[in-house]
Amino acid sequence: MEPGARVVTFGNGMVVREPIVAIDDEARRLVWGAEGGPMTHYNGAVQVHAEGTGSRVVWTADFLPHDASTFIGPMIDQGLAAMKKALDGSAR
């Protein structure tokens, strides 16, 4: 973490600075961008919704160029798996 951003090293070794765009505690929503890496644009948002006796997490990612999905998709899948493991463990 650094003021207003976090610096993330991904499993594939790519390092990206992610400026925090918005934090909305009431809506349980976080929005961030990305600087560095191969994309010309990245905007991500994660929001937690109450669902039944638990929660549902929705992660939205908008990025350019569109063909970056071939490597961003697997990175998002890995991030979601890590998030699920961490959150499932914290519920115990």
N, C-alpha and C. Protein backbone atom coordinates (compact mmCIF):
# COMPACT_ATOMS: atom_id res chain seq x y z
N MET A 1 0.84 -1.18 0.00
CA MET A 1 0.00 0.00 0.00
C MET A 1 0.89 1.24 0.00
N GLU A 2 0.38 2.27 -0.63
CA GLU A 2 0.98 3.59 -0.58
C GLU A 2 -0.18 4.58 -0.56
N PRO A 3 0.04 5.83 -0.21
CA PRO A 3 -1.07 6.77 -0.14
C PRO A 3 -1.86 6.82 -1.46
N GLY A 4 -3.15 6.48 -1.38
CA GLY A 4 -4.04 6.56 -2.53
C GLY A 4 -3.91 5.46 -3.56
N ALA A 5 -3.10 4.45 -3.28
CA ALA A 5 -2.91 3.38 -4.27
C ALA A 5 -2.33 2.15 -3.58
N ARG A 6 -2.32 1.07 -4.34
CA ARG A 6 -1.61 -0.11 -3.89
C ARG A 6 -0.73 -0.57 -5.05
N VAL A 7 0.38 -1.19 -4.72
CA VAL A 7 1.27 -1.74 -5.74
C VAL A 7 1.13 -3.25 -5.65
N VAL A 8 0.75 -3.86 -6.78
CA VAL A 8 0.43 -5.28 -6.80
C VAL A 8 1.44 -6.02 -7.68
N THR A 9 1.97 -7.13 -7.16
CA THR A 9 2.77 -8.04 -7.95
C THR A 9 1.93 -9.28 -8.18
N PHE A 10 1.63 -9.55 -9.44
CA PHE A 10 0.78 -10.67 -9.80
C PHE A 10 1.58 -11.96 -9.87
N GLY A 11 0.88 -13.09 -9.90
CA GLY A 11 1.52 -14.40 -9.94
C GLY A 11 2.46 -14.58 -11.12
N ASN A 12 2.20 -13.86 -12.21
CA ASN A 12 3.06 -13.98 -13.40
C ASN A 12 4.25 -13.01 -13.35
N GLY A 13 4.40 -12.28 -12.22
CA GLY A 13 5.52 -11.37 -12.05
C GLY A 13 5.26 -9.92 -12.47
N MET A 14 4.14 -9.66 -13.13
CA MET A 14 3.83 -8.30 -13.56
C MET A 14 3.53 -7.43 -12.34
N VAL A 15 4.11 -6.23 -12.31
CA VAL A 15 3.90 -5.28 -11.22
C VAL A 15 3.10 -4.11 -11.76
N VAL A 16 2.02 -3.76 -11.06
CA VAL A 16 1.13 -2.69 -11.50
C VAL A 16 0.78 -1.81 -10.30
N ARG A 17 0.79 -0.52 -10.49
CA ARG A 17 0.31 0.43 -9.47
C ARG A 17 -1.17 0.63 -9.73
N GLU A 18 -1.99 0.47 -8.69
CA GLU A 18 -3.44 0.58 -8.81
C GLU A 18 -3.95 1.74 -7.97
N PRO A 19 -4.14 2.93 -8.59
CA PRO A 19 -4.70 4.06 -7.86
C PRO A 19 -6.13 3.76 -7.42
N ILE A 20 -6.44 4.11 -6.19
CA ILE A 20 -7.80 3.93 -5.68
C ILE A 20 -8.64 5.11 -6.18
N VAL A 21 -9.71 4.81 -6.90
CA VAL A 21 -10.58 5.84 -7.47
C VAL A 21 -11.69 6.21 -6.50
N ALA A 22 -12.32 5.21 -5.88
CA ALA A 22 -13.42 5.48 -4.96
C ALA A 22 -13.58 4.33 -3.98
N ILE A 23 -13.90 4.69 -2.75
CA ILE A 23 -14.27 3.71 -1.72
C ILE A 23 -15.61 4.16 -1.16
N ASP A 24 -16.59 3.29 -1.26
CA ASP A 24 -17.93 3.60 -0.75
C ASP A 24 -18.29 2.52 0.26
N ASP A 25 -18.06 2.81 1.54
CA ASP A 25 -18.32 1.83 2.59
C ASP A 25 -19.79 1.44 2.65
N GLU A 26 -20.67 2.42 2.49
CA GLU A 26 -22.11 2.14 2.59
C GLU A 26 -22.57 1.19 1.48
N ALA A 27 -22.09 1.40 0.26
CA ALA A 27 -22.44 0.53 -0.86
C ALA A 27 -21.56 -0.71 -0.91
N ARG A 28 -20.55 -0.76 -0.05
CA ARG A 28 -19.57 -1.87 -0.04
C ARG A 28 -18.96 -2.05 -1.42
N ARG A 29 -18.38 -0.95 -1.94
CA ARG A 29 -17.85 -0.89 -3.30
C ARG A 29 -16.49 -0.21 -3.32
N LEU A 30 -15.57 -0.78 -4.09
CA LEU A 30 -14.23 -0.25 -4.28
C LEU A 30 -13.96 -0.16 -5.77
N VAL A 31 -13.41 0.98 -6.22
CA VAL A 31 -13.08 1.19 -7.63
C VAL A 31 -11.61 1.58 -7.72
N TRP A 32 -10.90 1.01 -8.70
CA TRP A 32 -9.49 1.31 -8.88
C TRP A 32 -9.12 1.30 -10.36
N GLY A 33 -7.99 1.88 -10.65
CA GLY A 33 -7.44 1.87 -12.00
C GLY A 33 -6.14 1.07 -12.00
N ALA A 34 -5.38 1.18 -13.07
CA ALA A 34 -4.09 0.50 -13.15
C ALA A 34 -3.13 1.34 -13.97
N GLU A 35 -1.89 1.40 -13.50
CA GLU A 35 -0.82 2.09 -14.22
C GLU A 35 0.32 1.11 -14.37
N GLY A 36 0.83 0.97 -15.57
CA GLY A 36 1.88 0.01 -15.84
C GLY A 36 1.28 -1.22 -16.50
N GLY A 37 2.12 -2.09 -16.93
CA GLY A 37 1.63 -3.28 -17.62
C GLY A 37 1.27 -2.97 -19.06
N PRO A 38 0.73 -3.93 -19.76
CA PRO A 38 0.53 -3.81 -21.21
C PRO A 38 -0.76 -3.11 -21.65
N MET A 39 -1.64 -2.77 -20.72
CA MET A 39 -2.92 -2.19 -21.13
C MET A 39 -2.83 -0.67 -21.25
N THR A 40 -3.65 -0.12 -22.13
CA THR A 40 -3.73 1.32 -22.26
C THR A 40 -4.80 1.90 -21.34
N HIS A 41 -5.71 1.05 -20.85
CA HIS A 41 -6.77 1.48 -19.93
C HIS A 41 -7.19 0.29 -19.08
N TYR A 42 -7.40 0.54 -17.78
CA TYR A 42 -7.98 -0.47 -16.90
C TYR A 42 -8.76 0.25 -15.83
N ASN A 43 -9.98 -0.21 -15.59
CA ASN A 43 -10.81 0.27 -14.50
C ASN A 43 -11.49 -0.95 -13.90
N GLY A 44 -11.29 -1.16 -12.61
CA GLY A 44 -11.89 -2.30 -11.94
C GLY A 44 -12.79 -1.82 -10.81
N ALA A 45 -13.82 -2.61 -10.53
CA ALA A 45 -14.71 -2.33 -9.41
C ALA A 45 -15.11 -3.65 -8.78
N VAL A 46 -15.16 -3.66 -7.48
CA VAL A 46 -15.65 -4.82 -6.75
C VAL A 46 -16.71 -4.32 -5.77
N GLN A 47 -17.81 -5.06 -5.71
CA GLN A 47 -18.90 -4.68 -4.82
C GLN A 47 -19.44 -5.94 -4.15
N VAL A 48 -19.78 -5.82 -2.87
CA VAL A 48 -20.30 -6.93 -2.09
C VAL A 48 -21.79 -6.70 -1.87
N HIS A 49 -22.58 -7.72 -2.22
CA HIS A 49 -24.04 -7.67 -2.08
C HIS A 49 -24.48 -8.73 -1.08
N ALA A 50 -25.42 -8.38 -0.21
CA ALA A 50 -26.01 -9.37 0.67
C ALA A 50 -26.81 -10.35 -0.18
N GLU A 51 -26.67 -11.63 0.15
CA GLU A 51 -27.41 -12.66 -0.60
C GLU A 51 -27.71 -13.81 0.35
N GLY A 52 -29.00 -13.98 0.66
CA GLY A 52 -29.38 -15.04 1.60
C GLY A 52 -28.70 -14.80 2.94
N THR A 53 -28.03 -15.84 3.44
CA THR A 53 -27.32 -15.72 4.72
C THR A 53 -25.85 -15.35 4.51
N GLY A 54 -25.48 -15.08 3.27
CA GLY A 54 -24.09 -14.75 2.98
C GLY A 54 -23.97 -13.52 2.12
N SER A 55 -22.99 -13.53 1.26
CA SER A 55 -22.71 -12.39 0.39
C SER A 55 -22.33 -12.88 -1.00
N ARG A 56 -22.50 -11.99 -1.97
CA ARG A 56 -22.05 -12.23 -3.35
C ARG A 56 -21.13 -11.09 -3.72
N VAL A 57 -19.97 -11.42 -4.26
CA VAL A 57 -18.99 -10.43 -4.67
C VAL A 57 -19.02 -10.34 -6.19
N VAL A 58 -19.15 -9.11 -6.70
CA VAL A 58 -19.15 -8.87 -8.15
C VAL A 58 -17.92 -8.03 -8.49
N TRP A 59 -17.11 -8.54 -9.42
CA TRP A 59 -15.92 -7.85 -9.88
C TRP A 59 -16.13 -7.50 -11.34
N THR A 60 -16.06 -6.21 -11.66
CA THR A 60 -16.21 -5.73 -13.03
C THR A 60 -14.88 -5.15 -13.47
N ALA A 61 -14.45 -5.50 -14.69
CA ALA A 61 -13.19 -4.98 -15.22
C ALA A 61 -13.42 -4.48 -16.64
N ASP A 62 -13.02 -3.25 -16.88
CA ASP A 62 -13.05 -2.66 -18.22
C ASP A 62 -11.62 -2.34 -18.60
N PHE A 63 -11.21 -2.76 -19.80
CA PHE A 63 -9.82 -2.53 -20.19
C PHE A 63 -9.68 -2.44 -21.70
N LEU A 64 -8.56 -1.83 -22.09
CA LEU A 64 -8.15 -1.74 -23.50
C LEU A 64 -6.69 -2.12 -23.58
N PRO A 65 -6.24 -2.73 -24.63
CA PRO A 65 -7.01 -3.17 -25.79
C PRO A 65 -7.86 -4.40 -25.44
N HIS A 66 -8.92 -4.60 -26.19
CA HIS A 66 -9.85 -5.69 -25.93
C HIS A 66 -9.18 -7.05 -25.98
N ASP A 67 -8.18 -7.22 -26.85
CA ASP A 67 -7.54 -8.53 -26.96
C ASP A 67 -6.66 -8.86 -25.76
N ALA A 68 -6.53 -7.92 -24.81
CA ALA A 68 -5.81 -8.20 -23.58
C ALA A 68 -6.55 -9.23 -22.73
N SER A 69 -7.79 -9.52 -23.08
CA SER A 69 -8.57 -10.50 -22.32
C SER A 69 -7.91 -11.87 -22.30
N THR A 70 -7.06 -12.16 -23.29
CA THR A 70 -6.41 -13.47 -23.33
C THR A 70 -5.47 -13.67 -22.14
N PHE A 71 -4.87 -12.59 -21.62
CA PHE A 71 -4.03 -12.75 -20.43
C PHE A 71 -4.67 -12.16 -19.18
N ILE A 72 -5.56 -11.19 -19.32
CA ILE A 72 -6.22 -10.60 -18.15
C ILE A 72 -7.26 -11.56 -17.57
N GLY A 73 -7.99 -12.26 -18.43
CA GLY A 73 -9.00 -13.22 -17.95
C GLY A 73 -8.44 -14.21 -16.95
N PRO A 74 -7.35 -14.91 -17.27
CA PRO A 74 -6.78 -15.84 -16.30
C PRO A 74 -6.29 -15.16 -15.02
N MET A 75 -5.79 -13.93 -15.13
CA MET A 75 -5.34 -13.21 -13.94
C MET A 75 -6.53 -12.88 -13.04
N ILE A 76 -7.64 -12.50 -13.64
CA ILE A 76 -8.85 -12.22 -12.86
C ILE A 76 -9.35 -13.51 -12.21
N ASP A 77 -9.34 -14.62 -12.96
CA ASP A 77 -9.75 -15.91 -12.39
C ASP A 77 -8.91 -16.27 -11.17
N GLN A 78 -7.59 -16.06 -11.27
CA GLN A 78 -6.70 -16.34 -10.13
C GLN A 78 -7.02 -15.42 -8.96
N GLY A 79 -7.29 -14.14 -9.25
CA GLY A 79 -7.65 -13.20 -8.20
C GLY A 79 -8.94 -13.58 -7.51
N LEU A 80 -9.92 -14.00 -8.29
CA LEU A 80 -11.19 -14.43 -7.71
C LEU A 80 -11.01 -15.67 -6.84
N ALA A 81 -10.19 -16.61 -7.28
CA ALA A 81 -9.94 -17.82 -6.49
C ALA A 81 -9.26 -17.46 -5.17
N ALA A 82 -8.29 -16.55 -5.21
CA ALA A 82 -7.61 -16.12 -3.99
C ALA A 82 -8.57 -15.38 -3.07
N MET A 83 -9.43 -14.53 -3.64
CA MET A 83 -10.41 -13.80 -2.86
C MET A 83 -11.39 -14.76 -2.19
N LYS A 84 -11.86 -15.75 -2.94
CA LYS A 84 -12.81 -16.73 -2.39
C LYS A 84 -12.17 -17.52 -1.26
N LYS A 85 -10.92 -17.94 -1.45
CA LYS A 85 -10.22 -18.71 -0.40
C LYS A 85 -10.07 -17.86 0.86
N ALA A 86 -9.67 -16.60 0.69
CA ALA A 86 -9.48 -15.72 1.86
C ALA A 86 -10.80 -15.43 2.56
N LEU A 87 -11.85 -15.15 1.78
CA LEU A 87 -13.13 -14.80 2.37
C LEU A 87 -13.81 -16.01 2.99
N ASP A 88 -13.73 -17.15 2.35
CA ASP A 88 -14.31 -18.37 2.92
C ASP A 88 -13.62 -18.72 4.23
N GLY A 89 -12.30 -18.51 4.30
CA GLY A 89 -11.56 -18.78 5.53
C GLY A 89 -11.90 -17.82 6.65
N SER A 90 -12.23 -16.57 6.30
CA SER A 90 -12.56 -15.58 7.34
C SER A 90 -13.94 -15.79 7.90
N ALA A 91 -14.77 -16.59 7.22
CA ALA A 91 -16.14 -16.83 7.69
C ALA A 91 -16.18 -17.88 8.79
N ARG A 92 -15.09 -18.57 8.99
CA ARG A 92 -15.06 -19.65 9.98
C ARG A 92 -14.78 -19.14 11.35
